[in-house]
C-alpha atoms as a PDB file:
ATOM      1  CA  MET A   1     -23.366  12.769  65.010  1.00  0.00           C
ATOM      2  CA  SER A   2     -22.197   9.968  66.995  1.00  0.00           C
ATOM      3  CA  ASN A   3     -23.319   7.296  64.502  1.00  0.00           C
ATOM      4  CA  LEU A   4     -21.162   9.132  62.006  1.00  0.00           C
ATOM      5  CA  ILE A   5     -17.885   8.228  63.591  1.00  0.00           C
ATOM      6  CA  PRO A   6     -18.119   4.491  63.091  1.00  0.00           C
ATOM      7  CA  LEU A   7     -19.052   5.223  59.416  1.00  0.00           C
ATOM      8  CA  ILE A   8     -16.022   7.505  58.963  1.00  0.00           C
ATOM      9  CA  LEU A   9     -13.574   4.935  60.719  1.00  0.00           C
ATOM     10  CA  GLY A  10     -15.054   2.120  58.490  1.00  0.00           C
ATOM     11  CA  MET A  11     -14.732   4.217  55.235  1.00  0.00           C
ATOM     12  CA  ALA A  12     -11.053   4.901  56.273  1.00  0.00           C
ATOM     13  CA  ALA A  13     -10.269   1.283  56.816  1.00  0.00           C
ATOM     14  CA  VAL A  14     -11.927   0.243  53.671  1.00  0.00           C
ATOM     15  CA  THR A  15      -9.670   2.822  51.656  1.00  0.00           C
ATOM     16  CA  TYR A  16      -6.493   2.303  53.582  1.00  0.00           C
ATOM     17  CA  LEU A  17      -6.357  -1.611  53.753  1.00  0.00           C
ATOM     18  CA  PRO A  18      -6.010  -2.063  49.966  1.00  0.00           C
ATOM     19  CA  ARG A  19      -3.258   0.451  49.896  1.00  0.00           C
ATOM     20  CA  LEU A  20      -1.539  -1.273  52.822  1.00  0.00           C
ATOM     21  CA  LEU A  21      -1.784  -4.810  52.054  1.00  0.00           C
ATOM     22  CA  PRO A  22       0.509  -4.997  48.960  1.00  0.00           C
ATOM     23  CA  PHE A  23       3.469  -3.830  51.259  1.00  0.00           C
ATOM     24  CA  PHE A  24       2.887  -6.844  53.536  1.00  0.00           C
ATOM     25  CA  ILE A  25       2.277  -9.224  50.656  1.00  0.00           C
ATOM     26  CA  VAL A  26       4.990  -8.206  48.335  1.00  0.00           C
ATOM     27  CA  THR A  27       7.776  -7.660  50.609  1.00  0.00           C
ATOM     28  CA  ASP A  28      10.735  -9.734  49.274  1.00  0.00           C
ATOM     29  CA  LYS A  29       9.344 -10.885  45.919  1.00  0.00           C
ATOM     30  CA  LYS A  30      10.947  -9.608  42.562  1.00  0.00           C
ATOM     31  CA  ILE A  31       8.416  -7.796  40.263  1.00  0.00           C
ATOM     32  CA  PRO A  32       8.531  -9.033  36.752  1.00  0.00           C
ATOM     33  CA  LYS A  33      10.131  -6.646  34.166  1.00  0.00           C
ATOM     34  CA  SER A  34       6.959  -6.547  32.228  1.00  0.00           C
ATOM     35  CA  LEU A  35       4.835  -5.478  35.213  1.00  0.00           C
ATOM     36  CA  GLU A  36       7.461  -2.989  36.121  1.00  0.00           C
ATOM     37  CA  ALA A  37       7.319  -1.403  32.635  1.00  0.00           C
ATOM     38  CA  PHE A  38       3.543  -1.235  33.022  1.00  0.00           C
ATOM     39  CA  LEU A  39       3.810   0.304  36.339  1.00  0.00           C
ATOM     40  CA  ASP A  40       6.228   3.010  35.089  1.00  0.00           C
ATOM     41  CA  CYS A  41       3.553   4.204  32.554  1.00  0.00           C
ATOM     42  CA  ILE A  42       1.008   4.851  35.256  1.00  0.00           C
ATOM     43  CA  PRO A  43       2.296   8.381  36.072  1.00  0.00           C
ATOM     44  CA  ALA A  44       2.116   9.534  32.509  1.00  0.00           C
ATOM     45  CA  ALA A  45      -1.355   7.891  32.101  1.00  0.00           C
ATOM     46  CA  SER A  46      -2.728   9.593  35.185  1.00  0.00           C
ATOM     47  CA  LEU A  47      -1.156  12.974  34.178  1.00  0.00           C
ATOM     48  CA  GLY A  48      -2.860  12.638  30.833  1.00  0.00           C
ATOM     49  CA  ALA A  49      -6.114  11.730  32.501  1.00  0.00           C
ATOM     50  CA  LEU A  50      -5.983  14.675  34.762  1.00  0.00           C
ATOM     51  CA  VAL A  51      -4.797  17.392  32.342  1.00  0.00           C
ATOM     52  CA  VAL A  52      -5.957  16.435  28.799  1.00  0.00           C
ATOM     53  CA  PRO A  53      -9.722  16.379  29.109  1.00  0.00           C
ATOM     54  CA  GLY A  54      -9.968  19.867  30.521  1.00  0.00           C
ATOM     55  CA  MET A  55      -7.110  21.323  28.557  1.00  0.00           C
ATOM     56  CA  PHE A  56      -9.035  23.586  26.085  1.00  0.00           C
ATOM     57  CA  SER A  57     -12.427  23.808  27.780  1.00  0.00           C
ATOM     58  CA  VAL A  58     -11.007  25.828  30.710  1.00  0.00           C
ATOM     59  CA  THR A  59      -9.671  28.677  28.740  1.00  0.00           C
ATOM     60  CA  PRO A  60     -11.746  28.707  25.453  1.00  0.00           C
ATOM     61  CA  ASP A  61     -11.038  32.543  24.923  1.00  0.00           C
ATOM     62  CA  VAL A  62      -7.210  32.092  25.091  1.00  0.00           C
ATOM     63  CA  PRO A  63      -6.256  28.785  23.683  1.00  0.00           C
ATOM     64  CA  LEU A  64      -2.623  29.778  23.832  1.00  0.00           C
ATOM     65  CA  ALA A  65      -2.782  29.443  27.814  1.00  0.00           C
ATOM     66  CA  ALA A  66      -3.928  25.802  27.280  1.00  0.00           C
ATOM     67  CA  VAL A  67      -1.205  25.052  24.700  1.00  0.00           C
ATOM     68  CA  LEU A  68       1.628  26.728  26.776  1.00  0.00           C
ATOM     69  CA  GLY A  69       0.408  25.081  29.968  1.00  0.00           C
ATOM     70  CA  ILE A  70       0.310  21.514  28.373  1.00  0.00           C
ATOM     71  CA  GLY A  71       3.593  22.218  26.649  1.00  0.00           C
ATOM     72  CA  PHE A  72       5.145  22.823  29.887  1.00  0.00           C
ATOM     73  CA  THR A  73       3.703  19.770  31.361  1.00  0.00           C
ATOM     74  CA  ILE A  74       4.909  17.570  28.490  1.00  0.00           C
ATOM     75  CA  VAL A  75       8.469  19.092  28.455  1.00  0.00           C
ATOM     76  CA  TYR A  76       8.985  19.024  32.296  1.00  0.00           C
ATOM     77  CA  GLY A  77       7.426  15.765  32.606  1.00  0.00           C
ATOM     78  CA  LEU A  78       9.757  14.141  29.954  1.00  0.00           C
ATOM     79  CA  ILE A  79      12.819  15.734  31.257  1.00  0.00           C
ATOM     80  CA  ARG A  80      12.192  15.573  35.105  1.00  0.00           C
ATOM     81  CA  GLY A  81       9.312  13.212  35.578  1.00  0.00           C
ATOM     82  CA  GLY A  82       6.895  13.211  38.440  1.00  0.00           C
ATOM     83  CA  ILE A  83       3.283  14.351  38.447  1.00  0.00           C
ATOM     84  CA  LEU A  84       2.962  17.081  41.174  1.00  0.00           C
ATOM     85  CA  LEU A  85       5.518  19.575  39.703  1.00  0.00           C
ATOM     86  CA  PRO A  86       4.449  19.365  36.200  1.00  0.00           C
ATOM     87  CA  VAL A  87       0.701  19.896  37.048  1.00  0.00           C
ATOM     88  CA  LEU A  88       1.533  22.793  39.292  1.00  0.00           C
ATOM     89  CA  GLY A  89       3.883  24.197  36.704  1.00  0.00           C
ATOM     90  CA  SER A  90       1.117  24.005  34.034  1.00  0.00           C
ATOM     91  CA  VAL A  91      -1.350  25.807  36.343  1.00  0.00           C
ATOM     92  CA  ALA A  92       1.163  28.592  36.952  1.00  0.00           C
ATOM     93  CA  VAL A  93       1.994  28.935  33.122  1.00  0.00           C
ATOM     94  CA  THR A  94      -1.660  29.029  32.314  1.00  0.00           C
ATOM     95  CA  TYR A  95      -2.313  31.700  35.074  1.00  0.00           C
ATOM     96  CA  PHE A  96       0.465  33.902  33.924  1.00  0.00           C
ATOM     97  CA  VAL A  97      -0.540  33.643  30.285  1.00  0.00           C
ATOM     98  CA  LEU A  98      -4.223  34.434  31.128  1.00  0.00           C
ATOM     99  CA  LEU A  99      -3.005  37.195  33.408  1.00  0.00           C
ATOM    100  CA  HIS A 100      -1.109  38.799  30.444  1.00  0.00           C
ATOM    101  CA  PHE A 101      -3.478  38.154  27.477  1.00  0.00           C
ATOM    102  CA  HIS A 102      -6.997  38.185  28.965  1.00  0.00           C
END
C-alpha cells in the first residue's frame, strides 16, 4: 500500500501539469481569431462525441426516447450553450420517456 502513494501522486502530477502550464505560458498573449473560433467548437464536438455514439443503442425498444433526448440536447445546446445541462437534460428527458412508454 505504501508504494501506491508515490504512484498516485506521480499520476496526479502528470495529469495536472499539462492543464496548469497553459495558464502560466499564455497569460497576457492575445489568442488569434482562428484559434478562438476553433476552441469555440470544442464543446459541441465533445457533446457530440459523448451523446451521439450511444444514442440509439441504449434504448433500442423505445427509439422515441433517444430522439427526444438528443432533440432536447440540440435545442438547449443551441439556445443556452454549455455541456453539463444539455447532457443532464437529455438524460432526464430520456428517463421520463422510458418511464411512460416502456
